[in-house]
C-alpha atoms as a PDB file:
ATOM      1  CA  MET A   1      27.919 -10.425   5.463  1.00  0.00           C
ATOM      2  CA  THR A   2      29.265 -13.963   5.206  1.00  0.00           C
ATOM      3  CA  THR A   3      29.295 -15.658   1.750  1.00  0.00           C
ATOM      4  CA  ALA A   4      27.451 -19.026   1.790  1.00  0.00           C
ATOM      5  CA  THR A   5      29.323 -21.910   0.543  1.00  0.00           C
ATOM      6  CA  THR A   6      26.701 -24.537   0.856  1.00  0.00           C
ATOM      7  CA  THR A   7      23.023 -24.320   0.793  1.00  0.00           C
ATOM      8  CA  ALA A   8      21.410 -24.671   4.097  1.00  0.00           C
ATOM      9  CA  THR A   9      18.007 -23.957   5.621  1.00  0.00           C
ATOM     10  CA  LYS A  10      17.864 -20.385   6.957  1.00  0.00           C
ATOM     11  CA  ILE A  11      14.182 -20.048   7.927  1.00  0.00           C
ATOM     12  CA  SER A  12      11.970 -22.986   9.064  1.00  0.00           C
ATOM     13  CA  VAL A  13       8.410 -22.670   9.453  1.00  0.00           C
ATOM     14  CA  SER A  14       6.756 -25.780  10.899  1.00  0.00           C
ATOM     15  CA  HIS A  15       3.019 -26.303  11.316  1.00  0.00           C
ATOM     16  CA  LEU A  16       2.205 -22.769  12.160  1.00  0.00           C
ATOM     17  CA  TYR A  17      -1.193 -21.707  13.544  1.00  0.00           C
ATOM     18  CA  LYS A  18      -2.526 -18.173  14.321  1.00  0.00           C
ATOM     19  CA  ARG A  19      -5.866 -16.955  15.109  1.00  0.00           C
ATOM     20  CA  TYR A  20      -7.427 -13.509  15.418  1.00  0.00           C
ATOM     21  CA  GLY A  21     -10.776 -13.976  17.330  1.00  0.00           C
ATOM     22  CA  SER A  22     -12.763 -16.406  15.138  1.00  0.00           C
ATOM     23  CA  HIS A  23     -10.605 -15.951  12.151  1.00  0.00           C
ATOM     24  CA  GLN A  24      -7.899 -18.467  11.479  1.00  0.00           C
ATOM     25  CA  VAL A  25      -5.326 -16.475   9.840  1.00  0.00           C
ATOM     26  CA  ILE A  26      -2.665 -19.023   9.627  1.00  0.00           C
ATOM     27  CA  ASP A  27      -3.587 -22.688   9.188  1.00  0.00           C
ATOM     28  CA  ASP A  28      -1.056 -25.317   9.426  1.00  0.00           C
ATOM     29  CA  VAL A  29       1.568 -23.397   7.261  1.00  0.00           C
ATOM     30  CA  SER A  30       4.975 -25.000   6.771  1.00  0.00           C
ATOM     31  CA  PHE A  31       7.843 -24.214   4.464  1.00  0.00           C
ATOM     32  CA  ASP A  32      11.689 -23.537   4.488  1.00  0.00           C
ATOM     33  CA  VAL A  33      13.624 -20.602   3.220  1.00  0.00           C
ATOM     34  CA  GLN A  34      17.077 -21.805   1.759  1.00  0.00           C
ATOM     35  CA  GLU A  35      20.210 -19.834   2.280  1.00  0.00           C
ATOM     36  CA  GLY A  36      21.524 -17.763  -0.694  1.00  0.00           C
ATOM     37  CA  GLN A  37      18.296 -17.463  -2.483  1.00  0.00           C
ATOM     38  CA  VAL A  38      15.256 -15.374  -3.018  1.00  0.00           C
ATOM     39  CA  THR A  39      12.061 -16.859  -1.934  1.00  0.00           C
ATOM     40  CA  LEU A  40       8.890 -15.286  -3.009  1.00  0.00           C
ATOM     41  CA  LEU A  41       5.777 -15.342  -0.611  1.00  0.00           C
ATOM     42  CA  ALA A  42       2.819 -14.954  -2.763  1.00  0.00           C
ATOM     43  CA  GLY A  43      -1.125 -15.018  -2.177  1.00  0.00           C
ATOM     44  CA  PRO A  44      -4.256 -13.445  -2.663  1.00  0.00           C
ATOM     45  CA  ASN A  45      -5.295 -10.558  -0.356  1.00  0.00           C
ATOM     46  CA  GLY A  46      -6.077 -11.870   3.038  1.00  0.00           C
ATOM     47  CA  ALA A  47      -3.929 -15.050   2.712  1.00  0.00           C
ATOM     48  CA  GLY A  48      -1.967 -14.294   5.926  1.00  0.00           C
ATOM     49  CA  LYS A  49       1.266 -13.197   4.354  1.00  0.00           C
ATOM     50  CA  SER A  50       1.797 -10.157   6.355  1.00  0.00           C
ATOM     51  CA  THR A  51       1.024 -11.842   9.582  1.00  0.00           C
ATOM     52  CA  LEU A  52       3.411 -14.732   8.747  1.00  0.00           C
ATOM     53  CA  LEU A  53       6.329 -12.187   8.169  1.00  0.00           C
ATOM     54  CA  ARG A  54       5.540 -10.401  11.455  1.00  0.00           C
ATOM     55  CA  MET A  55       5.432 -13.749  13.292  1.00  0.00           C
ATOM     56  CA  ILE A  56       8.850 -14.654  11.719  1.00  0.00           C
ATOM     57  CA  CYS A  57      10.374 -11.386  12.885  1.00  0.00           C
ATOM     58  CA  GLY A  58       9.089 -11.995  16.486  1.00  0.00           C
ATOM     59  CA  LEU A  59       6.470  -8.977  16.371  1.00  0.00           C
ATOM     60  CA  ASP A  60       3.532 -11.394  16.677  1.00  0.00           C
ATOM     61  CA  THR A  61       2.645 -14.582  18.965  1.00  0.00           C
ATOM     62  CA  ILE A  62       2.393 -17.945  17.702  1.00  0.00           C
ATOM     63  CA  ASP A  63      -0.483 -19.949  18.719  1.00  0.00           C
ATOM     64  CA  LYS A  64       0.966 -23.156  17.764  1.00  0.00           C
ATOM     65  CA  GLY A  65       3.914 -24.471  15.609  1.00  0.00           C
ATOM     66  CA  ASP A  66       7.446 -23.416  15.305  1.00  0.00           C
ATOM     67  CA  ILE A  67       9.714 -20.692  13.632  1.00  0.00           C
ATOM     68  CA  THR A  68      13.430 -21.010  13.526  1.00  0.00           C
ATOM     69  CA  ILE A  69      16.012 -18.901  11.979  1.00  0.00           C
ATOM     70  CA  MET A  70      19.350 -20.762  11.509  1.00  0.00           C
ATOM     71  CA  GLY A  71      17.996 -23.333  14.080  1.00  0.00           C
ATOM     72  CA  ARG A  72      17.081 -20.598  16.677  1.00  0.00           C
ATOM     73  CA  HIS A  73      13.932 -18.944  17.679  1.00  0.00           C
ATOM     74  CA  TYR A  74      14.235 -15.114  17.125  1.00  0.00           C
ATOM     75  CA  SER A  75      14.625 -14.309  20.798  1.00  0.00           C
ATOM     76  CA  GLN A  76      17.619 -16.534  20.919  1.00  0.00           C
ATOM     77  CA  LEU A  77      19.520 -14.723  18.293  1.00  0.00           C
ATOM     78  CA  SER A  78      22.806 -13.237  19.480  1.00  0.00           C
ATOM     79  CA  ASP A  79      22.869 -10.286  17.192  1.00  0.00           C
ATOM     80  CA  PRO A  80      19.488 -10.008  15.503  1.00  0.00           C
ATOM     81  CA  LYS A  81      20.438  -6.603  13.893  1.00  0.00           C
ATOM     82  CA  HIS A  82      23.150  -8.188  11.808  1.00  0.00           C
ATOM     83  CA  THR A  83      20.988 -11.346  11.228  1.00  0.00           C
ATOM     84  CA  ILE A  84      17.824 -10.019   9.888  1.00  0.00           C
ATOM     85  CA  GLY A  85      16.964  -6.739   8.209  1.00  0.00           C
ATOM     86  CA  ALA A  86      13.182  -6.214   7.887  1.00  0.00           C
ATOM     87  CA  LEU A  87      10.777  -3.820   6.036  1.00  0.00           C
ATOM     88  CA  LEU A  88       7.291  -4.807   7.059  1.00  0.00           C
ATOM     89  CA  ASP A  89       5.649  -1.101   6.841  1.00  0.00           C
ATOM     90  CA  ALA A  90       7.353   2.097   5.787  1.00  0.00           C
ATOM     91  CA  THR A  91       4.749   4.051   7.994  1.00  0.00           C
ATOM     92  CA  TRP A  92       7.179   3.779  11.080  1.00  0.00           C
ATOM     93  CA  LEU A  93       9.374   6.573   9.668  1.00  0.00           C
ATOM     94  CA  ASP A  94       9.227   9.767  11.546  1.00  0.00           C
ATOM     95  CA  THR A  95       7.979  12.213   9.014  1.00  0.00           C
ATOM     96  CA  ALA A  96       9.144  15.152  10.928  1.00  0.00           C
ATOM     97  CA  LEU A  97      12.827  13.969  10.389  1.00  0.00           C
ATOM     98  CA  THR A  98      14.900  13.751   7.292  1.00  0.00           C
ATOM     99  CA  ALA A  99      15.821  10.416   5.749  1.00  0.00           C
ATOM    100  CA  GLU A 100      19.330  10.673   7.079  1.00  0.00           C
ATOM    101  CA  GLN A 101      17.977  11.432  10.678  1.00  0.00           C
ATOM    102  CA  ASN A 102      15.564   8.549  10.740  1.00  0.00           C
ATOM    103  CA  LEU A 103      18.545   6.109   9.830  1.00  0.00           C
ATOM    104  CA  ARG A 104      20.924   7.702  12.349  1.00  0.00           C
ATOM    105  CA  VAL A 105      18.425   7.235  15.039  1.00  0.00           C
ATOM    106  CA  LEU A 106      18.168   3.601  14.323  1.00  0.00           C
ATOM    107  CA  ALA A 107      21.994   3.199  13.968  1.00  0.00           C
ATOM    108  CA  ASP A 108      22.681   4.904  17.333  1.00  0.00           C
ATOM    109  CA  LEU A 109      20.127   2.723  19.104  1.00  0.00           C
ATOM    110  CA  ALA A 110      21.658  -0.448  17.537  1.00  0.00           C
ATOM    111  CA  GLY A 111      25.323   0.589  17.935  1.00  0.00           C
ATOM    112  CA  ILE A 112      26.090   0.822  14.357  1.00  0.00           C
ATOM    113  CA  HIS A 113      28.605   3.443  12.868  1.00  0.00           C
ATOM    114  CA  ARG A 114      26.992   6.434  11.345  1.00  0.00           C
ATOM    115  CA  ARG A 115      29.202   5.776   8.064  1.00  0.00           C
ATOM    116  CA  ARG A 116      26.890   2.880   7.477  1.00  0.00           C
ATOM    117  CA  VAL A 117      23.975   5.371   7.092  1.00  0.00           C
ATOM    118  CA  ALA A 118      25.538   7.250   4.352  1.00  0.00           C
ATOM    119  CA  ASN A 119      26.379   3.735   2.593  1.00  0.00           C
ATOM    120  CA  CYS A 120      22.854   2.774   3.008  1.00  0.00           C
ATOM    121  CA  LEU A 121      21.264   5.889   1.612  1.00  0.00           C
ATOM    122  CA  GLU A 122      23.685   5.672  -1.248  1.00  0.00           C
ATOM    123  CA  MET A 123      22.692   2.007  -1.910  1.00  0.00           C
ATOM    124  CA  CYS A 124      19.055   2.919  -2.076  1.00  0.00           C
ATOM    125  CA  GLY A 125      19.607   6.104  -4.304  1.00  0.00           C
ATOM    126  CA  LEU A 126      18.655   8.564  -1.551  1.00  0.00           C
ATOM    127  CA  THR A 127      21.938  10.547  -1.215  1.00  0.00           C
ATOM    128  CA  SER A 128      20.661  13.543  -2.897  1.00  0.00           C
ATOM    129  CA  VAL A 129      17.467  13.620  -0.749  1.00  0.00           C
ATOM    130  CA  ALA A 130      18.936  12.599   2.597  1.00  0.00           C
ATOM    131  CA  GLY A 131      18.519  16.005   4.212  1.00  0.00           C
ATOM    132  CA  ARG A 132      14.662  16.217   3.043  1.00  0.00           C
ATOM    133  CA  LYS A 133      12.079  15.587   5.457  1.00  0.00           C
ATOM    134  CA  VAL A 134      10.322  12.285   4.926  1.00  0.00           C
ATOM    135  CA  SER A 135       6.999  14.277   4.892  1.00  0.00           C
ATOM    136  CA  ASP A 136       8.010  15.491   1.546  1.00  0.00           C
ATOM    137  CA  PHE A 137       8.653  11.814   0.367  1.00  0.00           C
ATOM    138  CA  SER A 138       6.634  10.095  -2.114  1.00  0.00           C
ATOM    139  CA  LEU A 139       5.401   6.489  -1.257  1.00  0.00           C
ATOM    140  CA  GLY A 140       8.283   5.175  -3.383  1.00  0.00           C
ATOM    141  CA  MET A 141      11.016   7.090  -1.682  1.00  0.00           C
ATOM    142  CA  ARG A 142       9.525   6.199   1.630  1.00  0.00           C
ATOM    143  CA  GLN A 143       9.791   2.392   0.642  1.00  0.00           C
ATOM    144  CA  ARG A 144      13.653   3.126  -0.335  1.00  0.00           C
ATOM    145  CA  CYS A 145      14.196   4.806   3.024  1.00  0.00           C
ATOM    146  CA  GLY A 146      12.542   1.655   4.741  1.00  0.00           C
ATOM    147  CA  ILE A 147      14.722  -0.696   2.711  1.00  0.00           C
ATOM    148  CA  ALA A 148      17.922   1.492   3.613  1.00  0.00           C
ATOM    149  CA  ALA A 149      16.857   0.871   7.323  1.00  0.00           C
ATOM    150  CA  ALA A 150      16.545  -2.866   6.775  1.00  0.00           C
ATOM    151  CA  LEU A 151      20.129  -2.772   5.272  1.00  0.00           C
ATOM    152  CA  LEU A 152      21.783  -0.886   8.065  1.00  0.00           C
ATOM    153  CA  GLY A 153      23.121  -3.982  10.090  1.00  0.00           C
ATOM    154  CA  ASP A 154      24.457  -5.479   6.812  1.00  0.00           C
ATOM    155  CA  PRO A 155      22.115  -8.636   7.539  1.00  0.00           C
ATOM    156  CA  ASP A 156      22.437 -11.913   6.027  1.00  0.00           C
ATOM    157  CA  LEU A 157      18.780 -12.467   5.896  1.00  0.00           C
ATOM    158  CA  LEU A 158      16.173  -9.827   4.267  1.00  0.00           C
ATOM    159  CA  ILE A 159      12.559  -9.950   5.025  1.00  0.00           C
ATOM    160  CA  LEU A 160      10.533  -7.472   2.856  1.00  0.00           C
ATOM    161  CA  ASP A 161       6.800  -7.231   2.782  1.00  0.00           C
ATOM    162  CA  GLU A 162       5.581  -5.658  -0.454  1.00  0.00           C
ATOM    163  CA  PRO A 163       8.887  -3.658  -0.909  1.00  0.00           C
ATOM    164  CA  VAL A 164       7.694  -2.666  -4.420  1.00  0.00           C
ATOM    165  CA  ASN A 165       4.659  -0.582  -3.370  1.00  0.00           C
ATOM    166  CA  GLY A 166       5.051   2.909  -4.649  1.00  0.00           C
ATOM    167  CA  LEU A 167       8.240   2.043  -6.885  1.00  0.00           C
ATOM    168  CA  ASP A 168       8.104   3.326 -10.387  1.00  0.00           C
ATOM    169  CA  PRO A 169       9.593   0.821 -13.156  1.00  0.00           C
ATOM    170  CA  ALA A 170      13.064   2.266 -12.716  1.00  0.00           C
ATOM    171  CA  GLY A 171      12.577   1.679  -8.778  1.00  0.00           C
ATOM    172  CA  MET A 172      11.576  -1.909  -9.508  1.00  0.00           C
ATOM    173  CA  ARG A 173      14.650  -2.588 -11.463  1.00  0.00           C
ATOM    174  CA  TRP A 174      16.762  -0.938  -8.759  1.00  0.00           C
ATOM    175  CA  LEU A 175      15.073  -3.203  -6.129  1.00  0.00           C
ATOM    176  CA  ASN A 176      15.857  -6.358  -8.476  1.00  0.00           C
ATOM    177  CA  ASP A 177      19.432  -5.376  -8.772  1.00  0.00           C
ATOM    178  CA  LEU A 178      19.845  -4.853  -5.108  1.00  0.00           C
ATOM    179  CA  LEU A 179      18.375  -8.190  -4.239  1.00  0.00           C
ATOM    180  CA  GLU A 180      20.539  -9.951  -6.896  1.00  0.00           C
ATOM    181  CA  SER A 181      23.662  -8.258  -5.431  1.00  0.00           C
ATOM    182  CA  HIS A 182      22.538  -9.311  -2.050  1.00  0.00           C
ATOM    183  CA  THR A 183      22.313 -12.942  -3.231  1.00  0.00           C
ATOM    184  CA  GLN A 184      25.455 -13.000  -4.988  1.00  0.00           C
ATOM    185  CA  ALA A 185      26.907 -12.017  -1.820  1.00  0.00           C
ATOM    186  CA  GLY A 186      25.600 -15.053  -0.087  1.00  0.00           C
ATOM    187  CA  GLY A 187      22.471 -13.357   1.269  1.00  0.00           C
ATOM    188  CA  THR A 188      19.083 -14.756   1.732  1.00  0.00           C
ATOM    189  CA  THR A 189      15.795 -12.820   0.906  1.00  0.00           C
ATOM    190  CA  LEU A 190      12.188 -13.685   1.730  1.00  0.00           C
ATOM    191  CA  LEU A 191       9.743 -11.077   0.280  1.00  0.00           C
ATOM    192  CA  SER A 192       6.016 -10.967  -0.447  1.00  0.00           C
ATOM    193  CA  SER A 193       4.935  -9.249  -3.622  1.00  0.00           C
ATOM    194  CA  HIS A 194       1.813  -8.795  -5.835  1.00  0.00           C
ATOM    195  CA  PHE A 195       4.214  -7.964  -8.731  1.00  0.00           C
ATOM    196  CA  LEU A 196       4.832 -11.610 -10.034  1.00  0.00           C
ATOM    197  CA  ALA A 197       6.420 -10.649 -13.294  1.00  0.00           C
ATOM    198  CA  ASP A 198       9.180  -8.731 -11.647  1.00  0.00           C
ATOM    199  CA  SER A 199       9.485 -11.240  -8.748  1.00  0.00           C
ATOM    200  CA  GLU A 200       9.874 -14.242 -11.463  1.00  0.00           C
ATOM    201  CA  LEU A 201      13.190 -12.367 -12.544  1.00  0.00           C
ATOM    202  CA  ILE A 202      14.862 -12.831  -9.156  1.00  0.00           C
ATOM    203  CA  ALA A 203      12.970 -15.433  -7.134  1.00  0.00           C
ATOM    204  CA  SER A 204      14.417 -19.120  -6.867  1.00  0.00           C
ATOM    205  CA  ARG A 205      11.767 -20.504  -4.733  1.00  0.00           C
ATOM    206  CA  VAL A 206       8.063 -19.895  -4.365  1.00  0.00           C
ATOM    207  CA  VAL A 207       5.572 -20.117  -1.495  1.00  0.00           C
ATOM    208  CA  ILE A 208       1.875 -19.728  -2.323  1.00  0.00           C
ATOM    209  CA  LEU A 209      -0.657 -19.161   0.674  1.00  0.00           C
ATOM    210  CA  GLY A 210      -4.342 -19.313   0.308  1.00  0.00           C
ATOM    211  CA  LYS A 211      -6.809 -18.702   3.310  1.00  0.00           C
ATOM    212  CA  GLY A 212      -3.890 -19.282   5.613  1.00  0.00           C
ATOM    213  CA  LYS A 213      -2.688 -22.648   4.207  1.00  0.00           C
ATOM    214  CA  THR A 214       0.293 -23.350   2.006  1.00  0.00           C
ATOM    215  CA  LEU A 215      -1.118 -24.125  -1.380  1.00  0.00           C
ATOM    216  CA  TRP A 216       2.527 -24.635  -3.025  1.00  0.00           C
ATOM    217  CA  GLU A 217       5.961 -24.768  -1.866  1.00  0.00           C
ATOM    218  CA  GLY A 218       8.890 -25.236  -4.456  1.00  0.00           C
ATOM    219  CA  SER A 219      11.420 -24.055  -6.878  1.00  0.00           C
ATOM    220  CA  LEU A 220      10.375 -21.605  -9.325  1.00  0.00           C
ATOM    221  CA  ALA A 221      11.549 -24.007 -12.047  1.00  0.00           C
ATOM    222  CA  GLU A 222       9.226 -26.724 -10.630  1.00  0.00           C
ATOM    223  CA  LEU A 223       6.317 -24.251 -10.718  1.00  0.00           C
ATOM    224  CA  THR A 224       6.757 -22.942 -14.365  1.00  0.00           C
ATOM    225  CA  GLY A 225       8.838 -25.686 -15.917  1.00  0.00           C
ATOM    226  CA  GLY A 226       6.013 -27.680 -17.648  1.00  0.00           C
ATOM    227  CA  ALA A 227       4.869 -26.654 -21.061  1.00  0.00           C
ATOM    228  CA  ARG A 228       1.608 -24.757 -21.063  1.00  0.00           C
ATOM    229  CA  HIS A 229       0.794 -24.680 -24.731  1.00  0.00           C
ATOM    230  CA  THR A 230       2.476 -26.687 -27.578  1.00  0.00           C
ATOM    231  CA  VAL A 231       1.535 -25.281 -30.904  1.00  0.00           C
ATOM    232  CA  PHE A 232       2.133 -27.254 -33.994  1.00  0.00           C
ATOM    233  CA  ALA A 233       1.056 -27.578 -37.781  1.00  0.00           C
ATOM    234  CA  SER A 234       1.514 -30.443 -40.351  1.00  0.00           C
ATOM    235  CA  TYR A 235       0.222 -31.591 -43.585  1.00  0.00           C
ATOM    236  CA  ALA A 236      -1.896 -34.175 -41.625  1.00  0.00           C
ATOM    237  CA  ASN A 237      -2.915 -32.568 -38.300  1.00  0.00           C
ATOM    238  CA  ASP A 238      -5.784 -35.148 -38.181  1.00  0.00           C
ATOM    239  CA  LEU A 239      -3.563 -37.946 -37.909  1.00  0.00           C
ATOM    240  CA  ILE A 240      -1.462 -36.577 -35.140  1.00  0.00           C
ATOM    241  CA  ALA A 241      -4.648 -35.293 -33.346  1.00  0.00           C
ATOM    242  CA  SER A 242      -6.100 -38.889 -33.446  1.00  0.00           C
ATOM    243  CA  GLN A 243      -2.831 -40.087 -31.947  1.00  0.00           C
ATOM    244  CA  LEU A 244      -2.861 -37.401 -29.106  1.00  0.00           C
ATOM    245  CA  HIS A 245      -6.487 -38.195 -28.131  1.00  0.00           C
ATOM    246  CA  ALA A 246      -5.475 -41.965 -27.851  1.00  0.00           C
ATOM    247  CA  MET A 247      -2.603 -40.893 -25.411  1.00  0.00           C
ATOM    248  CA  TYR A 248      -4.678 -38.390 -23.438  1.00  0.00           C
ATOM    249  CA  THR A 249      -8.350 -38.925 -22.651  1.00  0.00           C
ATOM    250  CA  GLY A 250     -10.487 -35.820 -23.058  1.00  0.00           C
ATOM    251  CA  LEU A 251      -7.803 -33.845 -24.456  1.00  0.00           C
ATOM    252  CA  GLU A 252      -8.819 -30.237 -25.819  1.00  0.00           C
ATOM    253  CA  ILE A 253      -7.054 -29.450 -29.248  1.00  0.00           C
ATOM    254  CA  THR A 254      -7.705 -25.924 -30.362  1.00  0.00           C
ATOM    255  CA  PRO A 255      -7.509 -25.148 -34.189  1.00  0.00           C
ATOM    256  CA  LEU A 256      -5.896 -21.863 -34.891  1.00  0.00           C
ATOM    257  CA  ALA A 257      -6.465 -19.512 -37.806  1.00  0.00           C
ATOM    258  CA  ASP A 258      -3.005 -20.091 -39.396  1.00  0.00           C
ATOM    259  CA  GLY A 259      -3.488 -23.824 -39.626  1.00  0.00           C
ATOM    260  CA  LYS A 260      -1.649 -24.559 -36.519  1.00  0.00           C
ATOM    261  CA  VAL A 261      -3.213 -26.237 -33.414  1.00  0.00           C
ATOM    262  CA  GLN A 262      -2.904 -25.506 -29.732  1.00  0.00           C
ATOM    263  CA  VAL A 263      -2.664 -28.195 -27.198  1.00  0.00           C
ATOM    264  CA  ASN A 264      -1.469 -28.542 -23.609  1.00  0.00           C
ATOM    265  CA  VAL A 265       0.889 -31.378 -23.592  1.00  0.00           C
ATOM    266  CA  PRO A 266       4.591 -31.766 -23.396  1.00  0.00           C
ATOM    267  CA  PRO A 267       6.225 -31.073 -26.649  1.00  0.00           C
ATOM    268  CA  GLU A 268       8.013 -34.566 -26.678  1.00  0.00           C
ATOM    269  CA  ASP A 269       4.799 -36.225 -26.622  1.00  0.00           C
ATOM    270  CA  VAL A 270       3.658 -34.128 -29.879  1.00  0.00           C
ATOM    271  CA  SER A 271       6.841 -35.494 -31.313  1.00  0.00           C
ATOM    272  CA  ILE A 272       6.097 -39.127 -30.373  1.00  0.00           C
ATOM    273  CA  ALA A 273       2.466 -38.850 -31.737  1.00  0.00           C
ATOM    274  CA  ALA A 274       3.973 -37.586 -34.949  1.00  0.00           C
ATOM    275  CA  ARG A 275       6.375 -40.548 -35.402  1.00  0.00           C
ATOM    276  CA  ILE A 276       3.800 -43.042 -34.465  1.00  0.00           C
ATOM    277  CA  ALA A 277       1.254 -41.533 -36.955  1.00  0.00           C
ATOM    278  CA  GLU A 278       4.140 -41.312 -39.465  1.00  0.00           C
ATOM    279  CA  VAL A 279       3.776 -37.745 -40.166  1.00  0.00           C
ATOM    280  CA  ASP A 280       6.218 -34.953 -40.502  1.00  0.00           C
ATOM    281  CA  LEU A 281       5.775 -31.901 -38.187  1.00  0.00           C
ATOM    282  CA  THR A 282       6.335 -28.510 -40.103  1.00  0.00           C
ATOM    283  CA  HIS A 283       6.082 -26.499 -37.099  1.00  0.00           C
ATOM    284  CA  LEU A 284       6.524 -26.901 -33.505  1.00  0.00           C
ATOM    285  CA  THR A 285       6.919 -24.159 -30.614  1.00  0.00           C
ATOM    286  CA  VAL A 286       6.360 -24.207 -27.026  1.00  0.00           C
ATOM    287  CA  SER A 287       4.957 -21.587 -24.837  1.00  0.00           C
ATOM    288  CA  ARG A 288       5.938 -21.908 -20.997  1.00  0.00           C
ATOM    289  CA  ILE A 289       3.559 -21.108 -18.311  1.00  0.00           C
ATOM    290  CA  THR A 290       4.594 -17.801 -16.297  1.00  0.00           C
ATOM    291  CA  LEU A 291       4.579 -17.266 -12.578  1.00  0.00           C
ATOM    292  CA  ALA A 292       1.526 -15.126 -12.700  1.00  0.00           C
ATOM    293  CA  GLU A 293      -0.441 -17.761 -14.632  1.00  0.00           C
ATOM    294  CA  ALA A 294       0.703 -20.594 -12.358  1.00  0.00           C
ATOM    295  CA  PHE A 295      -0.148 -18.336  -9.414  1.00  0.00           C
ATOM    296  CA  GLU A 296      -3.816 -17.853 -10.831  1.00  0.00           C
ATOM    297  CA  GLN A 297      -4.362 -21.612 -11.284  1.00  0.00           C
ATOM    298  CA  ILE A 298      -3.171 -22.411  -7.731  1.00  0.00           C
ATOM    299  CA  SER A 299      -5.000 -19.622  -5.884  1.00  0.00           C
ATOM    300  CA  GLU A 300      -8.142 -19.727  -7.822  1.00  0.00           C
ATOM    301  CA  GLY A 301     -11.087 -19.310  -5.301  1.00  0.00           C
ATOM    302  CA  GLN A 302      -8.691 -18.519  -2.380  1.00  0.00           C
ATOM    303  CA  VAL A 303      -9.498 -14.839  -1.875  1.00  0.00           C
ATOM    304  CA  GLU A 304     -11.040 -14.349   1.493  1.00  0.00           C
ATOM    305  CA  PHE A 305     -11.736 -10.907   2.896  1.00  0.00           C
ATOM    306  CA  GLN A 306     -12.513 -10.456   6.636  1.00  0.00           C
END
């Protein structure tokens, strides 16, 4: 893997469309995945995430639009196995074979040295069970084996569809550590996940889909950076409240049992209101919006089952 020195666009998705029968699965989706970052693809069930990842990997056709990887279409990549490692579904594993045998088959087909098989099994915590048949594996162990397969070619780019499925809390921490190491080495990751609290720890950028459309694209900081709640108390809250109402038409200020009030405005505006009202604040704390809360707000009403 090469270490990135400058940020560049790794994947570009431009005005993408995909229809299955009468159902428009992907409807004018555009976004970029930046090199050396983890990009989270989020969305309600049926939003089109899995279809989109399959299209990026060249496993599904495009009705209209364009997808490029480092400026090239997937079919034009000179060495895809060293460019992209993907886990789209762990059910492809041959359950009659052991974990090691599954990876050896892939390595032999791709011309990858078998030493890499042992390395990937170790990275995924499967060395002690490498000789066990996949039929005896739990869902979490199969996911680890699928991720090990994605790592075989030492790719710059990882594409992972719901990689935490079946992982226990320790497995989720392991995956986060693995992706952080991949990023620190200059690698790029695009993953979908419903486990937003864990994804928030590692993602730099977020793309939110809903009903096949792009609802949000941007940095995690942009999505969660605004103040959700400002909680404050003073000896003359009514004066500060009056000033805030003058600044924000229709503002809701919620009194709390301990004498504080809760209000959805930037904290600096509360300080400005206090100065204008000539009232000293005795307490001021800020609660930031979480990724899960932002997702719920943006994706509200976007669930669509077919």
